[in-house]
Amino acid sequence: MNLSGHSTSATTELPSLRYFAQRLLRDLDAVTAGLTLPWNSGVVEGHVNRIKMLKRQMFDRAGFELLRKRVLLSA
């Protein structure tokens, strides 16, 4: 995909959109791969989400060891 001719000058009135477009163009190879390759990180994201939920539930209740046991036992 060749977007070298495209400019972000049309978004000068919207700085946040211009910033987003510039970052997309800067990392265009990764964006293209993410949209076209059959692999994804859905399983990993699910595990991260589960661990964050456990961490929120355990906040200020006990130390790291109990959190570690809950994470390992919930797998």
N, C-alpha and C. Protein backbone atom coordinates (compact mmCIF):
# COMPACT_ATOMS: atom_id res chain seq x y z
N MET A 1 0.85 -1.16 0.00
CA MET A 1 0.00 0.00 0.00
C MET A 1 0.90 1.23 0.00
N ASN A 2 0.66 2.11 -0.92
CA ASN A 2 1.49 3.30 -1.05
C ASN A 2 0.66 4.53 -0.72
N LEU A 3 0.96 5.16 0.39
CA LEU A 3 0.25 6.36 0.80
C LEU A 3 1.18 7.57 0.81
N SER A 4 2.30 7.46 0.13
CA SER A 4 3.27 8.54 0.17
C SER A 4 2.72 9.82 -0.44
N GLY A 5 1.78 9.73 -1.37
CA GLY A 5 1.20 10.90 -1.99
C GLY A 5 0.14 11.57 -1.14
N HIS A 6 -0.31 10.87 -0.10
CA HIS A 6 -1.36 11.44 0.75
C HIS A 6 -0.74 12.40 1.75
N SER A 7 -1.46 13.42 2.03
CA SER A 7 -0.99 14.43 2.96
C SER A 7 -1.96 14.56 4.12
N THR A 8 -1.44 14.94 5.25
CA THR A 8 -2.31 15.17 6.40
C THR A 8 -2.65 16.65 6.52
N SER A 9 -2.36 17.43 5.47
CA SER A 9 -2.64 18.86 5.54
C SER A 9 -4.13 19.17 5.57
N ALA A 10 -4.96 18.24 5.11
CA ALA A 10 -6.40 18.47 5.12
C ALA A 10 -6.97 18.47 6.53
N THR A 11 -6.21 17.96 7.48
CA THR A 11 -6.70 17.88 8.85
C THR A 11 -6.07 18.94 9.74
N THR A 12 -5.58 20.03 9.16
CA THR A 12 -4.93 21.04 9.98
C THR A 12 -5.86 21.66 11.00
N GLU A 13 -7.17 21.66 10.73
CA GLU A 13 -8.12 22.23 11.68
C GLU A 13 -8.38 21.28 12.85
N LEU A 14 -8.00 20.03 12.70
CA LEU A 14 -8.20 19.03 13.75
C LEU A 14 -6.85 18.45 14.16
N PRO A 15 -6.16 19.08 15.11
CA PRO A 15 -4.80 18.64 15.45
C PRO A 15 -4.73 17.19 15.93
N SER A 16 -5.73 16.73 16.68
CA SER A 16 -5.67 15.35 17.17
C SER A 16 -5.80 14.35 16.03
N LEU A 17 -6.62 14.68 15.03
CA LEU A 17 -6.75 13.80 13.87
C LEU A 17 -5.47 13.82 13.04
N ARG A 18 -4.86 14.99 12.89
CA ARG A 18 -3.60 15.10 12.16
C ARG A 18 -2.52 14.26 12.85
N TYR A 19 -2.44 14.35 14.18
CA TYR A 19 -1.46 13.59 14.94
C TYR A 19 -1.68 12.08 14.74
N PHE A 20 -2.94 11.65 14.81
CA PHE A 20 -3.27 10.24 14.60
C PHE A 20 -2.85 9.78 13.21
N ALA A 21 -3.17 10.57 12.19
CA ALA A 21 -2.82 10.20 10.81
C ALA A 21 -1.31 10.16 10.62
N GLN A 22 -0.60 11.09 11.22
CA GLN A 22 0.86 11.08 11.10
C GLN A 22 1.45 9.82 11.71
N ARG A 23 0.91 9.41 12.87
CA ARG A 23 1.41 8.20 13.53
C ARG A 23 1.07 6.95 12.73
N LEU A 24 -0.10 6.93 12.11
CA LEU A 24 -0.45 5.79 11.25
C LEU A 24 0.52 5.68 10.09
N LEU A 25 0.81 6.79 9.46
CA LEU A 25 1.74 6.78 8.33
C LEU A 25 3.14 6.40 8.77
N ARG A 26 3.54 6.84 9.96
CA ARG A 26 4.88 6.52 10.46
C ARG A 26 5.05 5.02 10.69
N ASP A 27 3.97 4.35 11.09
CA ASP A 27 4.03 2.92 11.39
C ASP A 27 3.15 2.13 10.42
N LEU A 28 3.16 2.54 9.16
CA LEU A 28 2.27 1.97 8.16
C LEU A 28 2.48 0.47 7.96
N ASP A 29 3.72 -0.01 8.04
CA ASP A 29 3.96 -1.45 7.86
C ASP A 29 3.24 -2.27 8.93
N ALA A 30 3.31 -1.82 10.17
CA ALA A 30 2.64 -2.55 11.25
C ALA A 30 1.12 -2.47 11.11
N VAL A 31 0.61 -1.33 10.72
CA VAL A 31 -0.84 -1.17 10.53
C VAL A 31 -1.33 -2.08 9.42
N THR A 32 -0.60 -2.10 8.31
CA THR A 32 -0.98 -2.95 7.18
C THR A 32 -0.94 -4.42 7.58
N ALA A 33 0.10 -4.83 8.30
CA ALA A 33 0.21 -6.22 8.73
C ALA A 33 -0.93 -6.57 9.67
N GLY A 34 -1.27 -5.67 10.57
CA GLY A 34 -2.35 -5.94 11.51
C GLY A 34 -3.70 -6.10 10.85
N LEU A 35 -3.88 -5.44 9.73
CA LEU A 35 -5.16 -5.51 9.04
C LEU A 35 -5.23 -6.61 7.99
N THR A 36 -4.10 -7.14 7.56
CA THR A 36 -4.11 -8.10 6.47
C THR A 36 -3.68 -9.51 6.86
N LEU A 37 -2.87 -9.67 7.89
CA LEU A 37 -2.38 -11.00 8.26
C LEU A 37 -3.44 -11.76 9.07
N PRO A 38 -3.44 -13.09 8.98
CA PRO A 38 -4.47 -13.87 9.66
C PRO A 38 -4.25 -14.01 11.17
N TRP A 39 -3.10 -13.60 11.69
CA TRP A 39 -2.81 -13.76 13.11
C TRP A 39 -3.30 -12.55 13.89
N ASN A 40 -3.63 -12.79 15.16
CA ASN A 40 -4.01 -11.68 16.03
C ASN A 40 -3.58 -12.00 17.45
N SER A 41 -3.72 -11.04 18.33
CA SER A 41 -3.30 -11.20 19.72
C SER A 41 -4.51 -11.30 20.65
N GLY A 42 -5.62 -11.79 20.14
CA GLY A 42 -6.84 -11.88 20.92
C GLY A 42 -6.72 -12.73 22.16
N VAL A 43 -6.06 -13.87 22.07
CA VAL A 43 -5.91 -14.76 23.21
C VAL A 43 -5.07 -14.08 24.30
N VAL A 44 -3.99 -13.46 23.89
CA VAL A 44 -3.12 -12.77 24.84
C VAL A 44 -3.88 -11.63 25.51
N GLU A 45 -4.62 -10.86 24.73
CA GLU A 45 -5.40 -9.75 25.30
C GLU A 45 -6.43 -10.27 26.29
N GLY A 46 -7.01 -11.44 26.03
CA GLY A 46 -7.96 -12.03 26.97
C GLY A 46 -7.31 -12.35 28.30
N HIS A 47 -6.09 -12.91 28.25
CA HIS A 47 -5.36 -13.23 29.48
C HIS A 47 -4.99 -11.95 30.24
N VAL A 48 -4.56 -10.94 29.52
CA VAL A 48 -4.22 -9.66 30.15
C VAL A 48 -5.44 -9.07 30.82
N ASN A 49 -6.59 -9.12 30.15
CA ASN A 49 -7.82 -8.59 30.71
C ASN A 49 -8.21 -9.34 31.98
N ARG A 50 -8.07 -10.67 31.96
CA ARG A 50 -8.40 -11.49 33.14
C ARG A 50 -7.50 -11.15 34.31
N ILE A 51 -6.21 -10.97 34.05
CA ILE A 51 -5.27 -10.65 35.13
C ILE A 51 -5.55 -9.25 35.69
N LYS A 52 -5.89 -8.30 34.82
CA LYS A 52 -6.23 -6.96 35.31
C LYS A 52 -7.48 -6.99 36.18
N MET A 53 -8.46 -7.82 35.79
CA MET A 53 -9.67 -7.94 36.59
C MET A 53 -9.35 -8.50 37.97
N LEU A 54 -8.53 -9.54 38.01
CA LEU A 54 -8.14 -10.12 39.30
C LEU A 54 -7.38 -9.10 40.14
N LYS A 55 -6.52 -8.35 39.51
CA LYS A 55 -5.74 -7.34 40.22
C LYS A 55 -6.66 -6.27 40.82
N ARG A 56 -7.67 -5.84 40.06
CA ARG A 56 -8.63 -4.85 40.58
C ARG A 56 -9.41 -5.43 41.76
N GLN A 57 -9.80 -6.70 41.66
CA GLN A 57 -10.54 -7.33 42.74
C GLN A 57 -9.70 -7.44 44.01
N MET A 58 -8.40 -7.65 43.84
CA MET A 58 -7.53 -7.87 44.98
C MET A 58 -6.90 -6.59 45.52
N PHE A 59 -7.19 -5.46 44.90
CA PHE A 59 -6.54 -4.21 45.28
C PHE A 59 -6.70 -3.93 46.77
N ASP A 60 -5.59 -3.74 47.42
CA ASP A 60 -5.51 -3.36 48.84
C ASP A 60 -6.06 -4.43 49.78
N ARG A 61 -6.18 -5.66 49.33
CA ARG A 61 -6.70 -6.71 50.20
C ARG A 61 -5.59 -7.60 50.74
N ALA A 62 -4.61 -7.86 49.92
CA ALA A 62 -3.55 -8.77 50.34
C ALA A 62 -2.30 -8.48 49.52
N GLY A 63 -1.28 -9.21 49.79
CA GLY A 63 -0.01 -8.98 49.12
C GLY A 63 0.09 -9.68 47.78
N PHE A 64 1.28 -9.60 47.25
CA PHE A 64 1.55 -10.15 45.93
C PHE A 64 1.36 -11.66 45.90
N GLU A 65 1.69 -12.35 46.97
CA GLU A 65 1.60 -13.82 46.97
C GLU A 65 0.17 -14.30 46.77
N LEU A 66 -0.80 -13.66 47.41
CA LEU A 66 -2.20 -14.07 47.21
C LEU A 66 -2.66 -13.76 45.80
N LEU A 67 -2.27 -12.61 45.28
CA LEU A 67 -2.60 -12.27 43.90
C LEU A 67 -2.00 -13.30 42.95
N ARG A 68 -0.77 -13.68 43.18
CA ARG A 68 -0.09 -14.68 42.34
C ARG A 68 -0.85 -16.01 42.37
N LYS A 69 -1.28 -16.44 43.55
CA LYS A 69 -2.02 -17.70 43.67
C LYS A 69 -3.35 -17.62 42.91
N ARG A 70 -4.05 -16.51 43.03
CA ARG A 70 -5.33 -16.36 42.32
C ARG A 70 -5.14 -16.39 40.81
N VAL A 71 -4.09 -15.72 40.33
CA VAL A 71 -3.82 -15.72 38.88
C VAL A 71 -3.51 -17.12 38.41
N LEU A 72 -2.67 -17.83 39.15
CA LEU A 72 -2.29 -19.18 38.72
C LEU A 72 -3.44 -20.16 38.83
N LEU A 73 -4.30 -20.02 39.85
CA LEU A 73 -5.41 -20.95 40.02
C LEU A 73 -6.56 -20.68 39.07
N SER A 74 -6.67 -19.46 38.57
CA SER A 74 -7.78 -19.15 37.67
C SER A 74 -7.49 -19.50 36.22
N ALA A 75 -6.29 -19.94 35.94
CA ALA A 75 -5.92 -20.25 34.56
C ALA A 75 -6.56 -21.53 34.10
